[in-house]
Amino acid sequence: MRISFFKLFIVIVLPVLGIFSCKTPAGQAARDLEKEYLTKYIAKYHPTVSPTSTGLYFVETKAGTDTTSIKAGDLVEVYYRGYLIEDDPTEGIRDGYEFDKSGEFEPFSFTVGAGAVVAGWDEAIKYMKLGSEAKLIIPSKLAYSSQSQSSIPAYSPLVFYIRVYKIYRSTDVWPTIQIRPKGSN
């Protein structure tokens, strides 16, 4: 079977040229949109807040009661709500779709620094104390980056409202449970 040069050009070369001729690849467009959303959101709600060296925006909304900050290895229980940022045509930039939340009566627990949560959470929780509440504005590089997660598109900046409910310090002595055989006192 003989394929003409024209057909080969149409089937192979044009699609390859099409890939490289796009003005902005989809990933770059999503990163640009993320930057735009973050800039607008911070300007509207927190113009005086500066990001940490990693790019996290941490806004403490209620001071905690403990004197010691949370450290890596501590087990924490938190209540939270997570939102995507959206640019609404009538309301402008705002908290958009609520993609996740802890239970109403059951807090979410995780070990700090163990990689059980996104990097933005692991960083932010170390600024918090027992009873403190905070708003986290997390750029995608500290969350899911180029990976989509169910209802979270790639390169999405995330907003979380978190309240620290309990802290179990890594230095605490944990009780040992002893199981005794039947018939022993």
Protein backbone atom coordinates (compact mmCIF):
# COMPACT_ATOMS: atom_id res chain seq x y z
CA MET A 1 0.00 0.00 0.00
CA ARG A 2 1.44 3.26 -1.10
CA ILE A 3 0.74 6.47 0.87
CA SER A 4 1.12 9.68 -1.01
CA PHE A 5 3.28 12.43 0.38
CA PHE A 6 0.21 14.67 0.59
CA LYS A 7 -1.69 12.18 2.78
CA LEU A 8 1.38 11.68 4.99
CA PHE A 9 1.67 15.45 5.38
CA ILE A 10 -2.01 15.78 6.31
CA VAL A 11 -2.01 12.88 8.80
CA ILE A 12 1.34 13.40 10.55
CA VAL A 13 2.95 16.77 9.90
CA LEU A 14 -0.05 19.12 10.21
CA PRO A 15 -1.15 17.84 13.63
CA VAL A 16 2.43 18.15 14.92
CA LEU A 17 2.67 21.70 13.57
CA GLY A 18 -0.69 22.46 15.16
CA ILE A 19 0.63 21.49 18.57
CA PHE A 20 3.52 23.91 18.31
CA SER A 21 1.59 26.73 16.70
CA CYS A 22 -0.77 27.34 19.63
CA LYS A 23 -0.25 30.75 21.09
CA THR A 24 -0.69 29.56 24.68
CA PRO A 25 -0.81 25.88 25.64
CA ALA A 26 -3.74 24.91 27.87
CA GLY A 27 -1.48 24.43 30.91
CA GLN A 28 0.02 27.89 30.52
CA ALA A 29 -3.44 29.44 30.12
CA ALA A 30 -4.55 27.74 33.36
CA ARG A 31 -1.45 29.01 35.18
CA ASP A 32 -2.10 32.54 33.88
CA LEU A 33 -5.72 32.33 35.06
CA GLU A 34 -4.56 31.12 38.48
CA LYS A 35 -2.20 34.09 38.80
CA GLU A 36 -5.00 36.48 37.76
CA TYR A 37 -7.46 34.98 40.27
CA LEU A 38 -4.93 35.09 43.13
CA THR A 39 -4.00 38.69 42.36
CA LYS A 40 -7.66 39.82 42.25
CA TYR A 41 -8.64 37.80 45.34
CA ILE A 42 -5.79 39.11 47.49
CA ALA A 43 -6.37 42.69 46.28
CA LYS A 44 -10.08 42.49 47.14
CA TYR A 45 -10.01 40.68 50.50
CA HIS A 46 -6.47 40.88 51.95
CA PRO A 47 -4.48 43.71 50.34
CA THR A 48 -2.17 44.05 53.36
CA VAL A 49 -1.28 40.35 53.62
CA SER A 50 2.01 39.21 52.13
CA PRO A 51 2.68 35.63 51.08
CA THR A 52 5.17 33.43 52.88
CA SER A 53 8.37 32.52 51.04
CA THR A 54 6.55 29.55 49.47
CA GLY A 55 3.59 31.63 48.23
CA LEU A 56 1.05 30.69 50.92
CA TYR A 57 -1.27 33.43 52.19
CA PHE A 58 -2.03 32.85 55.88
CA VAL A 59 -4.67 35.03 57.55
CA GLU A 60 -5.31 34.34 61.23
CA THR A 61 -8.94 35.20 61.99
CA LYS A 62 -8.96 34.11 65.65
CA ALA A 63 -6.01 33.71 67.99
CA GLY A 64 -5.53 30.38 69.70
CA THR A 65 -5.49 29.73 73.43
CA ASP A 66 -2.34 27.63 73.60
CA THR A 67 1.12 29.15 73.93
CA THR A 68 2.86 26.57 71.77
CA SER A 69 2.58 26.34 68.00
CA ILE A 70 1.87 23.05 66.30
CA LYS A 71 4.94 21.10 65.20
CA ALA A 72 5.72 18.31 62.77
CA GLY A 73 4.70 14.98 64.27
CA ASP A 74 1.74 16.41 66.21
CA LEU A 75 -1.65 14.88 65.49
CA VAL A 76 -4.28 17.58 64.98
CA GLU A 77 -8.04 17.56 64.65
CA VAL A 78 -9.51 20.40 62.62
CA TYR A 79 -12.80 21.58 61.22
CA TYR A 80 -12.52 23.06 57.74
CA ARG A 81 -14.22 24.13 54.54
CA GLY A 82 -12.47 24.30 51.16
CA TYR A 83 -13.44 26.52 48.22
CA LEU A 84 -12.32 27.21 44.70
CA ILE A 85 -11.86 30.86 43.73
CA GLU A 86 -14.21 32.08 41.01
CA ASP A 87 -14.65 35.30 39.11
CA ASP A 88 -18.40 35.82 39.07
CA PRO A 89 -19.73 38.22 36.40
CA THR A 90 -21.95 40.08 38.90
CA GLU A 91 -20.08 39.73 42.21
CA GLY A 92 -16.50 39.65 40.94
CA ILE A 93 -13.80 37.51 42.49
CA ARG A 94 -15.00 35.45 45.45
CA ASP A 95 -15.10 32.08 47.20
CA GLY A 96 -16.76 29.81 44.71
CA TYR A 97 -17.61 26.15 44.70
CA GLU A 98 -17.23 24.39 48.07
CA PHE A 99 -15.34 21.26 47.06
CA ASP A 100 -14.78 19.75 50.51
CA LYS A 101 -15.49 20.12 54.21
CA SER A 102 -15.03 18.23 57.44
CA GLY A 103 -18.03 16.62 59.07
CA GLU A 104 -20.35 18.85 61.07
CA PHE A 105 -19.67 16.89 64.25
CA GLU A 106 -16.57 14.91 63.32
CA PRO A 107 -13.28 16.78 62.84
CA PHE A 108 -10.67 15.78 60.28
CA SER A 109 -7.42 14.51 61.81
CA PHE A 110 -3.93 14.18 60.38
CA THR A 111 -0.31 14.03 61.47
CA VAL A 112 1.51 17.27 60.68
CA GLY A 113 4.45 16.87 58.31
CA ALA A 114 3.58 13.31 57.29
CA GLY A 115 2.42 14.28 53.79
CA ALA A 116 -1.20 13.37 54.55
CA VAL A 117 -2.45 16.77 53.37
CA VAL A 118 -1.40 19.27 50.70
CA ALA A 119 1.85 21.14 51.36
CA GLY A 120 -0.03 24.40 51.98
CA TRP A 121 -1.85 22.82 54.94
CA ASP A 122 1.32 21.32 56.39
CA GLU A 123 2.95 24.75 56.30
CA ALA A 124 -0.04 26.74 57.56
CA ILE A 125 -0.98 24.47 60.47
CA LYS A 126 2.45 25.12 62.01
CA TYR A 127 1.46 28.80 62.41
CA MET A 128 -1.63 27.82 64.39
CA LYS A 129 -2.39 26.99 68.00
CA LEU A 130 -5.20 25.22 69.83
CA GLY A 131 -8.49 27.03 69.18
CA SER A 132 -7.10 29.27 66.47
CA GLU A 133 -8.93 29.90 63.23
CA ALA A 134 -7.38 30.91 59.94
CA LYS A 135 -8.05 31.48 56.29
CA LEU A 136 -5.54 29.90 53.94
CA ILE A 137 -5.16 30.98 50.34
CA ILE A 138 -3.09 28.25 48.75
CA PRO A 139 -1.57 28.54 45.27
CA SER A 140 -1.72 25.37 43.19
CA LYS A 141 2.01 24.68 43.59
CA LEU A 142 1.28 24.02 47.31
CA ALA A 143 -1.83 21.96 46.53
CA TYR A 144 -2.44 19.81 43.45
CA SER A 145 -0.46 21.77 40.82
CA SER A 146 -1.08 20.32 37.35
CA GLN A 147 -3.07 17.34 38.65
CA SER A 148 -6.87 17.53 38.68
CA GLN A 149 -8.53 16.07 41.78
CA SER A 150 -12.18 15.09 41.34
CA SER A 151 -13.88 18.52 41.46
CA ILE A 152 -10.64 20.55 41.60
CA PRO A 153 -9.24 21.50 38.17
CA ALA A 154 -5.49 21.62 37.56
CA TYR A 155 -3.75 24.86 38.60
CA SER A 156 -6.54 25.90 40.96
CA PRO A 157 -5.76 28.17 43.89
CA LEU A 158 -7.67 27.00 46.95
CA VAL A 159 -9.22 28.82 49.92
CA PHE A 160 -9.62 27.03 53.25
CA TYR A 161 -11.20 28.12 56.50
CA ILE A 162 -9.70 26.06 59.33
CA ARG A 163 -10.31 25.81 63.08
CA VAL A 164 -7.94 23.78 65.26
CA TYR A 165 -10.06 21.65 67.55
CA LYS A 166 -7.51 19.40 69.29
CA ILE A 167 -3.78 18.82 69.33
CA TYR A 168 -2.06 15.64 70.42
CA ARG A 169 1.60 16.53 70.84
CA SER A 170 4.23 14.19 69.49
CA THR A 171 5.97 14.54 72.87
CA ASP A 172 2.90 13.43 74.85
CA VAL A 173 3.03 10.09 76.60
CA TRP A 174 0.32 7.91 75.11
CA PRO A 175 -1.41 5.39 77.36
CA THR A 176 -0.72 1.74 76.68
CA ILE A 177 -3.67 -0.58 76.32
CA GLN A 178 -3.05 -3.95 77.87
CA ILE A 179 -5.11 -6.93 76.90
CA ARG A 180 -5.27 -9.55 79.60
CA PRO A 181 -6.10 -13.16 78.90
CA LYS A 182 -9.44 -14.46 80.12
CA GLY A 183 -9.44 -15.52 83.74
CA SER A 184 -6.58 -13.25 84.80
CA ASN A 185 -7.15 -10.45 87.29
